[in-house]
mmCIF file of all heavy atoms, coordinates in Angstrom:
data_MODEL
# 
_entry.id   MODEL 
# 
loop_
_atom_site.group_PDB 
_atom_site.id 
_atom_site.type_symbol 
_atom_site.label_atom_id 
_atom_site.label_alt_id 
_atom_site.label_comp_id 
_atom_site.label_asym_id 
_atom_site.label_entity_id 
_atom_site.label_seq_id 
_atom_site.pdbx_PDB_ins_code 
_atom_site.Cartn_x 
_atom_site.Cartn_y 
_atom_site.Cartn_z 
_atom_site.occupancy 
_atom_site.B_iso_or_equiv 
_atom_site.pdbx_formal_charge 
_atom_site.auth_seq_id 
_atom_site.auth_comp_id 
_atom_site.auth_asym_id 
_atom_site.auth_atom_id 
_atom_site.pdbx_PDB_model_num 
ATOM 1   N N   . GLU A 1 1  ? 118.776 115.093 108.629 1.00 0.00 ? 1  GLU A N   1 
ATOM 2   C CA  . GLU A 1 1  ? 117.540 115.367 107.841 1.00 0.00 ? 1  GLU A CA  1 
ATOM 3   C C   . GLU A 1 1  ? 116.533 116.101 108.727 1.00 0.00 ? 1  GLU A C   1 
ATOM 4   O O   . GLU A 1 1  ? 115.854 117.064 108.239 1.00 0.00 ? 1  GLU A O   1 
ATOM 5   C CB  . GLU A 1 1  ? 116.970 114.043 107.308 1.00 0.00 ? 1  GLU A CB  1 
ATOM 6   C CG  . GLU A 1 1  ? 115.863 114.276 106.321 1.00 0.00 ? 1  GLU A CG  1 
ATOM 7   C CD  . GLU A 1 1  ? 115.413 112.896 105.709 1.00 0.00 ? 1  GLU A CD  1 
ATOM 8   O OE1 . GLU A 1 1  ? 116.303 112.182 105.279 1.00 0.00 ? 1  GLU A OE1 1 
ATOM 9   O OE2 . GLU A 1 1  ? 114.208 112.691 105.733 1.00 0.00 ? 1  GLU A OE2 1 
ATOM 10  N N   . GLU A 1 2  ? 116.482 115.771 110.007 1.00 0.00 ? 2  GLU A N   1 
ATOM 11  C CA  . GLU A 1 2  ? 115.554 116.417 110.896 1.00 0.00 ? 2  GLU A CA  1 
ATOM 12  C C   . GLU A 1 2  ? 115.883 117.876 111.099 1.00 0.00 ? 2  GLU A C   1 
ATOM 13  O O   . GLU A 1 2  ? 114.991 118.737 111.107 1.00 0.00 ? 2  GLU A O   1 
ATOM 14  C CB  . GLU A 1 2  ? 115.576 115.702 112.261 1.00 0.00 ? 2  GLU A CB  1 
ATOM 15  C CG  . GLU A 1 2  ? 114.959 114.350 112.226 1.00 0.00 ? 2  GLU A CG  1 
ATOM 16  C CD  . GLU A 1 2  ? 115.080 113.646 113.608 1.00 0.00 ? 2  GLU A CD  1 
ATOM 17  O OE1 . GLU A 1 2  ? 115.490 114.302 114.580 1.00 0.00 ? 2  GLU A OE1 1 
ATOM 18  O OE2 . GLU A 1 2  ? 114.784 112.456 113.644 1.00 0.00 ? 2  GLU A OE2 1 
ATOM 19  N N   . SER A 1 3  ? 117.203 118.176 111.232 1.00 0.00 ? 3  SER A N   1 
ATOM 20  C CA  . SER A 1 3  ? 117.568 119.598 111.433 1.00 0.00 ? 3  SER A CA  1 
ATOM 21  C C   . SER A 1 3  ? 117.296 120.427 110.162 1.00 0.00 ? 3  SER A C   1 
ATOM 22  O O   . SER A 1 3  ? 116.908 121.569 110.243 1.00 0.00 ? 3  SER A O   1 
ATOM 23  C CB  . SER A 1 3  ? 119.037 119.726 111.843 1.00 0.00 ? 3  SER A CB  1 
ATOM 24  O OG  . SER A 1 3  ? 119.883 119.170 110.859 1.00 0.00 ? 3  SER A OG  1 
ATOM 25  N N   . ILE A 1 4  ? 117.477 119.829 109.007 1.00 0.00 ? 4  ILE A N   1 
ATOM 26  C CA  . ILE A 1 4  ? 117.208 120.551 107.735 1.00 0.00 ? 4  ILE A CA  1 
ATOM 27  C C   . ILE A 1 4  ? 115.704 120.823 107.676 1.00 0.00 ? 4  ILE A C   1 
ATOM 28  O O   . ILE A 1 4  ? 115.287 121.942 107.315 1.00 0.00 ? 4  ILE A O   1 
ATOM 29  C CB  . ILE A 1 4  ? 117.701 119.725 106.554 1.00 0.00 ? 4  ILE A CB  1 
ATOM 30  C CG1 . ILE A 1 4  ? 119.232 119.702 106.550 1.00 0.00 ? 4  ILE A CG1 1 
ATOM 31  C CG2 . ILE A 1 4  ? 117.208 120.341 105.230 1.00 0.00 ? 4  ILE A CG2 1 
ATOM 32  C CD1 . ILE A 1 4  ? 119.812 118.776 105.482 1.00 0.00 ? 4  ILE A CD1 1 
ATOM 33  N N   . VAL A 1 5  ? 114.924 119.853 107.968 1.00 0.00 ? 5  VAL A N   1 
ATOM 34  C CA  . VAL A 1 5  ? 113.432 119.993 107.955 1.00 0.00 ? 5  VAL A CA  1 
ATOM 35  C C   . VAL A 1 5  ? 113.026 121.072 108.974 1.00 0.00 ? 5  VAL A C   1 
ATOM 36  O O   . VAL A 1 5  ? 112.196 121.935 108.655 1.00 0.00 ? 5  VAL A O   1 
ATOM 37  C CB  . VAL A 1 5  ? 112.700 118.681 108.239 1.00 0.00 ? 5  VAL A CB  1 
ATOM 38  C CG1 . VAL A 1 5  ? 111.204 118.884 108.434 1.00 0.00 ? 5  VAL A CG1 1 
ATOM 39  C CG2 . VAL A 1 5  ? 112.963 117.684 107.087 1.00 0.00 ? 5  VAL A CG2 1 
ATOM 40  N N   . THR A 1 6  ? 113.610 121.073 110.151 1.00 0.00 ? 6  THR A N   1 
ATOM 41  C CA  . THR A 1 6  ? 113.297 122.059 111.134 1.00 0.00 ? 6  THR A CA  1 
ATOM 42  C C   . THR A 1 6  ? 113.647 123.471 110.692 1.00 0.00 ? 6  THR A C   1 
ATOM 43  O O   . THR A 1 6  ? 112.809 124.395 110.863 1.00 0.00 ? 6  THR A O   1 
ATOM 44  C CB  . THR A 1 6  ? 114.055 121.761 112.449 1.00 0.00 ? 6  THR A CB  1 
ATOM 45  O OG1 . THR A 1 6  ? 113.778 120.408 112.865 1.00 0.00 ? 6  THR A OG1 1 
ATOM 46  C CG2 . THR A 1 6  ? 113.694 122.723 113.542 1.00 0.00 ? 6  THR A CG2 1 
ATOM 47  N N   . ILE A 1 7  ? 114.781 123.600 110.059 1.00 0.00 ? 7  ILE A N   1 
ATOM 48  C CA  . ILE A 1 7  ? 115.186 124.924 109.549 1.00 0.00 ? 7  ILE A CA  1 
ATOM 49  C C   . ILE A 1 7  ? 114.274 125.415 108.462 1.00 0.00 ? 7  ILE A C   1 
ATOM 50  O O   . ILE A 1 7  ? 113.802 126.562 108.420 1.00 0.00 ? 7  ILE A O   1 
ATOM 51  C CB  . ILE A 1 7  ? 116.650 124.875 109.063 1.00 0.00 ? 7  ILE A CB  1 
ATOM 52  C CG1 . ILE A 1 7  ? 117.582 124.674 110.216 1.00 0.00 ? 7  ILE A CG1 1 
ATOM 53  C CG2 . ILE A 1 7  ? 117.015 126.162 108.294 1.00 0.00 ? 7  ILE A CG2 1 
ATOM 54  C CD1 . ILE A 1 7  ? 119.015 124.450 109.887 1.00 0.00 ? 7  ILE A CD1 1 
ATOM 55  N N   . VAL A 1 8  ? 113.935 124.527 107.544 1.00 0.00 ? 8  VAL A N   1 
ATOM 56  C CA  . VAL A 1 8  ? 113.006 124.874 106.423 1.00 0.00 ? 8  VAL A CA  1 
ATOM 57  C C   . VAL A 1 8  ? 111.639 125.293 106.989 1.00 0.00 ? 8  VAL A C   1 
ATOM 58  O O   . VAL A 1 8  ? 111.054 126.291 106.546 1.00 0.00 ? 8  VAL A O   1 
ATOM 59  C CB  . VAL A 1 8  ? 112.898 123.699 105.414 1.00 0.00 ? 8  VAL A CB  1 
ATOM 60  C CG1 . VAL A 1 8  ? 111.797 123.971 104.399 1.00 0.00 ? 8  VAL A CG1 1 
ATOM 61  C CG2 . VAL A 1 8  ? 114.202 123.499 104.706 1.00 0.00 ? 8  VAL A CG2 1 
ATOM 62  N N   . ILE A 1 9  ? 111.118 124.559 107.929 1.00 0.00 ? 9  ILE A N   1 
ATOM 63  C CA  . ILE A 1 9  ? 109.825 124.859 108.535 1.00 0.00 ? 9  ILE A CA  1 
ATOM 64  C C   . ILE A 1 9  ? 109.867 126.182 109.264 1.00 0.00 ? 9  ILE A C   1 
ATOM 65  O O   . ILE A 1 9  ? 108.998 127.024 109.157 1.00 0.00 ? 9  ILE A O   1 
ATOM 66  C CB  . ILE A 1 9  ? 109.348 123.719 109.479 1.00 0.00 ? 9  ILE A CB  1 
ATOM 67  C CG1 . ILE A 1 9  ? 108.998 122.495 108.683 1.00 0.00 ? 9  ILE A CG1 1 
ATOM 68  C CG2 . ILE A 1 9  ? 108.157 124.184 110.303 1.00 0.00 ? 9  ILE A CG2 1 
ATOM 69  C CD1 . ILE A 1 9  ? 108.615 121.282 109.458 1.00 0.00 ? 9  ILE A CD1 1 
ATOM 70  N N   . ALA A 1 10 ? 110.990 126.442 109.948 1.00 0.00 ? 10 ALA A N   1 
ATOM 71  C CA  . ALA A 1 10 ? 111.147 127.720 110.657 1.00 0.00 ? 10 ALA A CA  1 
ATOM 72  C C   . ALA A 1 10 ? 111.197 128.894 109.664 1.00 0.00 ? 10 ALA A C   1 
ATOM 73  O O   . ALA A 1 10 ? 110.568 129.941 109.895 1.00 0.00 ? 10 ALA A O   1 
ATOM 74  C CB  . ALA A 1 10 ? 112.407 127.711 111.503 1.00 0.00 ? 10 ALA A CB  1 
ATOM 75  N N   . LEU A 1 11 ? 111.918 128.725 108.573 1.00 0.00 ? 11 LEU A N   1 
ATOM 76  C CA  . LEU A 1 11 ? 111.948 129.788 107.558 1.00 0.00 ? 11 LEU A CA  1 
ATOM 77  C C   . LEU A 1 11 ? 110.616 130.031 106.945 1.00 0.00 ? 11 LEU A C   1 
ATOM 78  O O   . LEU A 1 11 ? 110.196 131.188 106.760 1.00 0.00 ? 11 LEU A O   1 
ATOM 79  C CB  . LEU A 1 11 ? 112.991 129.424 106.494 1.00 0.00 ? 11 LEU A CB  1 
ATOM 80  C CG  . LEU A 1 11 ? 114.489 129.479 106.892 1.00 0.00 ? 11 LEU A CG  1 
ATOM 81  C CD1 . LEU A 1 11 ? 115.347 128.993 105.793 1.00 0.00 ? 11 LEU A CD1 1 
ATOM 82  C CD2 . LEU A 1 11 ? 114.874 130.911 107.293 1.00 0.00 ? 11 LEU A CD2 1 
ATOM 83  N N   . ILE A 1 12 ? 109.933 128.991 106.567 1.00 0.00 ? 12 ILE A N   1 
ATOM 84  C CA  . ILE A 1 12 ? 108.596 129.114 105.957 1.00 0.00 ? 12 ILE A CA  1 
ATOM 85  C C   . ILE A 1 12 ? 107.615 129.736 106.985 1.00 0.00 ? 12 ILE A C   1 
ATOM 86  O O   . ILE A 1 12 ? 106.860 130.629 106.640 1.00 0.00 ? 12 ILE A O   1 
ATOM 87  C CB  . ILE A 1 12 ? 108.084 127.752 105.473 1.00 0.00 ? 12 ILE A CB  1 
ATOM 88  C CG1 . ILE A 1 12 ? 108.924 127.276 104.247 1.00 0.00 ? 12 ILE A CG1 1 
ATOM 89  C CG2 . ILE A 1 12 ? 106.582 127.820 105.045 1.00 0.00 ? 12 ILE A CG2 1 
ATOM 90  C CD1 . ILE A 1 12 ? 108.613 125.878 103.818 1.00 0.00 ? 12 ILE A CD1 1 
ATOM 91  N N   . GLY A 1 13 ? 107.687 129.244 108.208 1.00 0.00 ? 13 GLY A N   1 
ATOM 92  C CA  . GLY A 1 13 ? 106.833 129.778 109.232 1.00 0.00 ? 13 GLY A CA  1 
ATOM 93  C C   . GLY A 1 13 ? 107.043 131.246 109.515 1.00 0.00 ? 13 GLY A C   1 
ATOM 94  O O   . GLY A 1 13 ? 106.161 132.040 109.736 1.00 0.00 ? 13 GLY A O   1 
ATOM 95  N N   . SER A 1 14 ? 108.338 131.677 109.495 1.00 0.00 ? 14 SER A N   1 
ATOM 96  C CA  . SER A 1 14 ? 108.633 133.066 109.762 1.00 0.00 ? 14 SER A CA  1 
ATOM 97  C C   . SER A 1 14 ? 108.187 133.983 108.661 1.00 0.00 ? 14 SER A C   1 
ATOM 98  O O   . SER A 1 14 ? 107.914 135.144 108.870 1.00 0.00 ? 14 SER A O   1 
ATOM 99  C CB  . SER A 1 14 ? 110.136 133.258 109.977 1.00 0.00 ? 14 SER A CB  1 
ATOM 100 O OG  . SER A 1 14 ? 110.821 132.997 108.769 1.00 0.00 ? 14 SER A OG  1 
ATOM 101 N N   . ALA A 1 15 ? 108.000 133.447 107.458 1.00 0.00 ? 15 ALA A N   1 
ATOM 102 C CA  . ALA A 1 15 ? 107.515 134.261 106.350 1.00 0.00 ? 15 ALA A CA  1 
ATOM 103 C C   . ALA A 1 15 ? 106.013 134.174 106.223 1.00 0.00 ? 15 ALA A C   1 
ATOM 104 O O   . ALA A 1 15 ? 105.344 135.137 105.878 1.00 0.00 ? 15 ALA A O   1 
ATOM 105 C CB  . ALA A 1 15 ? 108.157 133.790 105.031 1.00 0.00 ? 15 ALA A CB  1 
ATOM 106 N N   . ILE A 1 16 ? 105.446 133.001 106.479 1.00 0.00 ? 16 ILE A N   1 
ATOM 107 C CA  . ILE A 1 16 ? 103.994 132.818 106.259 1.00 0.00 ? 16 ILE A CA  1 
ATOM 108 C C   . ILE A 1 16 ? 103.165 133.339 107.422 1.00 0.00 ? 16 ILE A C   1 
ATOM 109 O O   . ILE A 1 16 ? 102.125 133.981 107.220 1.00 0.00 ? 16 ILE A O   1 
ATOM 110 C CB  . ILE A 1 16 ? 103.700 131.310 106.007 1.00 0.00 ? 16 ILE A CB  1 
ATOM 111 C CG1 . ILE A 1 16 ? 104.354 130.947 104.640 1.00 0.00 ? 16 ILE A CG1 1 
ATOM 112 C CG2 . ILE A 1 16 ? 102.217 131.057 105.961 1.00 0.00 ? 16 ILE A CG2 1 
ATOM 113 C CD1 . ILE A 1 16 ? 104.190 129.484 104.324 1.00 0.00 ? 16 ILE A CD1 1 
ATOM 114 N N   . ILE A 1 17 ? 103.539 133.009 108.646 1.00 0.00 ? 17 ILE A N   1 
ATOM 115 C CA  . ILE A 1 17 ? 102.741 133.350 109.819 1.00 0.00 ? 17 ILE A CA  1 
ATOM 116 C C   . ILE A 1 17 ? 102.464 134.813 109.934 1.00 0.00 ? 17 ILE A C   1 
ATOM 117 O O   . ILE A 1 17 ? 101.300 135.262 110.093 1.00 0.00 ? 17 ILE A O   1 
ATOM 118 C CB  . ILE A 1 17 ? 103.378 132.801 111.094 1.00 0.00 ? 17 ILE A CB  1 
ATOM 119 C CG1 . ILE A 1 17 ? 103.273 131.262 111.076 1.00 0.00 ? 17 ILE A CG1 1 
ATOM 120 C CG2 . ILE A 1 17 ? 102.686 133.330 112.344 1.00 0.00 ? 17 ILE A CG2 1 
ATOM 121 C CD1 . ILE A 1 17 ? 103.979 130.557 112.230 1.00 0.00 ? 17 ILE A CD1 1 
ATOM 122 N N   . PRO A 1 18 ? 103.492 135.721 109.776 1.00 0.00 ? 18 PRO A N   1 
ATOM 123 C CA  . PRO A 1 18 ? 103.137 137.134 109.859 1.00 0.00 ? 18 PRO A CA  1 
ATOM 124 C C   . PRO A 1 18 ? 102.185 137.599 108.761 1.00 0.00 ? 18 PRO A C   1 
ATOM 125 O O   . PRO A 1 18 ? 101.303 138.414 108.974 1.00 0.00 ? 18 PRO A O   1 
ATOM 126 C CB  . PRO A 1 18 ? 104.522 137.840 109.727 1.00 0.00 ? 18 PRO A CB  1 
ATOM 127 C CG  . PRO A 1 18 ? 105.476 136.866 110.190 1.00 0.00 ? 18 PRO A CG  1 
ATOM 128 C CD  . PRO A 1 18 ? 104.883 135.544 109.787 1.00 0.00 ? 18 PRO A CD  1 
ATOM 129 N N   . SER A 1 19 ? 102.367 137.077 107.553 1.00 0.00 ? 19 SER A N   1 
ATOM 130 C CA  . SER A 1 19 ? 101.473 137.462 106.458 1.00 0.00 ? 19 SER A CA  1 
ATOM 131 C C   . SER A 1 19 ? 100.042 136.950 106.721 1.00 0.00 ? 19 SER A C   1 
ATOM 132 O O   . SER A 1 19 ? 99.063  137.668 106.400 1.00 0.00 ? 19 SER A O   1 
ATOM 133 C CB  . SER A 1 19 ? 101.981 136.965 105.132 1.00 0.00 ? 19 SER A CB  1 
ATOM 134 O OG  . SER A 1 19 ? 101.937 135.558 105.052 1.00 0.00 ? 19 SER A OG  1 
ATOM 135 N N   . LEU A 1 20 ? 99.896  135.773 107.302 1.00 0.00 ? 20 LEU A N   1 
ATOM 136 C CA  . LEU A 1 20 ? 98.569  135.262 107.654 1.00 0.00 ? 20 LEU A CA  1 
ATOM 137 C C   . LEU A 1 20 ? 97.915  136.142 108.708 1.00 0.00 ? 20 LEU A C   1 
ATOM 138 O O   . LEU A 1 20 ? 96.750  136.460 108.677 1.00 0.00 ? 20 LEU A O   1 
ATOM 139 C CB  . LEU A 1 20 ? 98.655  133.804 108.084 1.00 0.00 ? 20 LEU A CB  1 
ATOM 140 C CG  . LEU A 1 20 ? 98.914  132.760 107.001 1.00 0.00 ? 20 LEU A CG  1 
ATOM 141 C CD1 . LEU A 1 20 ? 99.116  131.396 107.614 1.00 0.00 ? 20 LEU A CD1 1 
ATOM 142 C CD2 . LEU A 1 20 ? 97.859  132.755 105.960 1.00 0.00 ? 20 LEU A CD2 1 
ATOM 143 N N   . ILE A 1 21 ? 98.706  136.471 109.722 1.00 0.00 ? 21 ILE A N   1 
ATOM 144 C CA  . ILE A 1 21 ? 98.197  137.354 110.792 1.00 0.00 ? 21 ILE A CA  1 
ATOM 145 C C   . ILE A 1 21 ? 97.725  138.683 110.260 1.00 0.00 ? 21 ILE A C   1 
ATOM 146 O O   . ILE A 1 21 ? 96.636  139.157 110.543 1.00 0.00 ? 21 ILE A O   1 
ATOM 147 C CB  . ILE A 1 21 ? 99.238  137.515 111.924 1.00 0.00 ? 21 ILE A CB  1 
ATOM 148 C CG1 . ILE A 1 21 ? 99.464  136.193 112.653 1.00 0.00 ? 21 ILE A CG1 1 
ATOM 149 C CG2 . ILE A 1 21 ? 98.825  138.640 112.906 1.00 0.00 ? 21 ILE A CG2 1 
ATOM 150 C CD1 . ILE A 1 21 ? 100.602 136.225 113.641 1.00 0.00 ? 21 ILE A CD1 1 
ATOM 151 N N   . ASN A 1 22 ? 98.549  139.251 109.387 1.00 0.00 ? 22 ASN A N   1 
ATOM 152 C CA  . ASN A 1 22 ? 98.180  140.563 108.802 1.00 0.00 ? 22 ASN A CA  1 
ATOM 153 C C   . ASN A 1 22 ? 96.964  140.421 107.887 1.00 0.00 ? 22 ASN A C   1 
ATOM 154 O O   . ASN A 1 22 ? 96.181  141.322 107.737 1.00 0.00 ? 22 ASN A O   1 
ATOM 155 C CB  . ASN A 1 22 ? 99.348  141.136 108.017 1.00 0.00 ? 22 ASN A CB  1 
ATOM 156 C CG  . ASN A 1 22 ? 100.423 141.678 108.918 1.00 0.00 ? 22 ASN A CG  1 
ATOM 157 O OD1 . ASN A 1 22 ? 100.199 142.004 110.053 1.00 0.00 ? 22 ASN A OD1 1 
ATOM 158 N ND2 . ASN A 1 22 ? 101.637 141.744 108.429 1.00 0.00 ? 22 ASN A ND2 1 
ATOM 159 N N   . ARG A 1 23 ? 96.832  139.271 107.266 1.00 0.00 ? 23 ARG A N   1 
ATOM 160 C CA  . ARG A 1 23 ? 95.685  139.073 106.347 1.00 0.00 ? 23 ARG A CA  1 
ATOM 161 C C   . ARG A 1 23 ? 94.377  139.004 107.121 1.00 0.00 ? 23 ARG A C   1 
ATOM 162 O O   . ARG A 1 23 ? 93.352  139.465 106.629 1.00 0.00 ? 23 ARG A O   1 
ATOM 163 C CB  . ARG A 1 23 ? 95.869  137.768 105.530 1.00 0.00 ? 23 ARG A CB  1 
ATOM 164 C CG  . ARG A 1 23 ? 94.896  137.629 104.422 1.00 0.00 ? 23 ARG A CG  1 
ATOM 165 C CD  . ARG A 1 23 ? 95.244  136.463 103.555 1.00 0.00 ? 23 ARG A CD  1 
ATOM 166 N NE  . ARG A 1 23 ? 96.400  136.868 102.729 1.00 0.00 ? 23 ARG A NE  1 
ATOM 167 C CZ  . ARG A 1 23 ? 97.134  136.043 102.025 1.00 0.00 ? 23 ARG A CZ  1 
ATOM 168 N NH1 . ARG A 1 23 ? 96.836  134.757 102.003 1.00 0.00 ? 23 ARG A NH1 1 
ATOM 169 N NH2 . ARG A 1 23 ? 98.146  136.419 101.346 1.00 0.00 ? 23 ARG A NH2 1 
ATOM 170 N N   . PHE A 1 24 ? 94.450  138.457 108.311 1.00 0.00 ? 24 PHE A N   1 
ATOM 171 C CA  . PHE A 1 24 ? 93.173  138.290 109.109 1.00 0.00 ? 24 PHE A CA  1 
ATOM 172 C C   . PHE A 1 24 ? 92.959  139.446 110.078 1.00 0.00 ? 24 PHE A C   1 
ATOM 173 O O   . PHE A 1 24 ? 91.902  139.511 110.696 1.00 0.00 ? 24 PHE A O   1 
ATOM 174 C CB  . PHE A 1 24 ? 93.196  136.962 109.841 1.00 0.00 ? 24 PHE A CB  1 
ATOM 175 C CG  . PHE A 1 24 ? 93.119  135.789 108.860 1.00 0.00 ? 24 PHE A CG  1 
ATOM 176 C CD1 . PHE A 1 24 ? 94.186  134.960 108.719 1.00 0.00 ? 24 PHE A CD1 1 
ATOM 177 C CD2 . PHE A 1 24 ? 91.958  135.585 108.149 1.00 0.00 ? 24 PHE A CD2 1 
ATOM 178 C CE1 . PHE A 1 24 ? 94.131  133.908 107.829 1.00 0.00 ? 24 PHE A CE1 1 
ATOM 179 C CE2 . PHE A 1 24 ? 91.908  134.488 107.266 1.00 0.00 ? 24 PHE A CE2 1 
ATOM 180 C CZ  . PHE A 1 24 ? 92.962  133.636 107.104 1.00 0.00 ? 24 PHE A CZ  1 
# 
């Protein structure tokens, strides 16, 4: 369960973080 959560967080982070950086 931990590895699945880690993968999901990494995928979400890789999509959200660049968009947040570009937004600001």
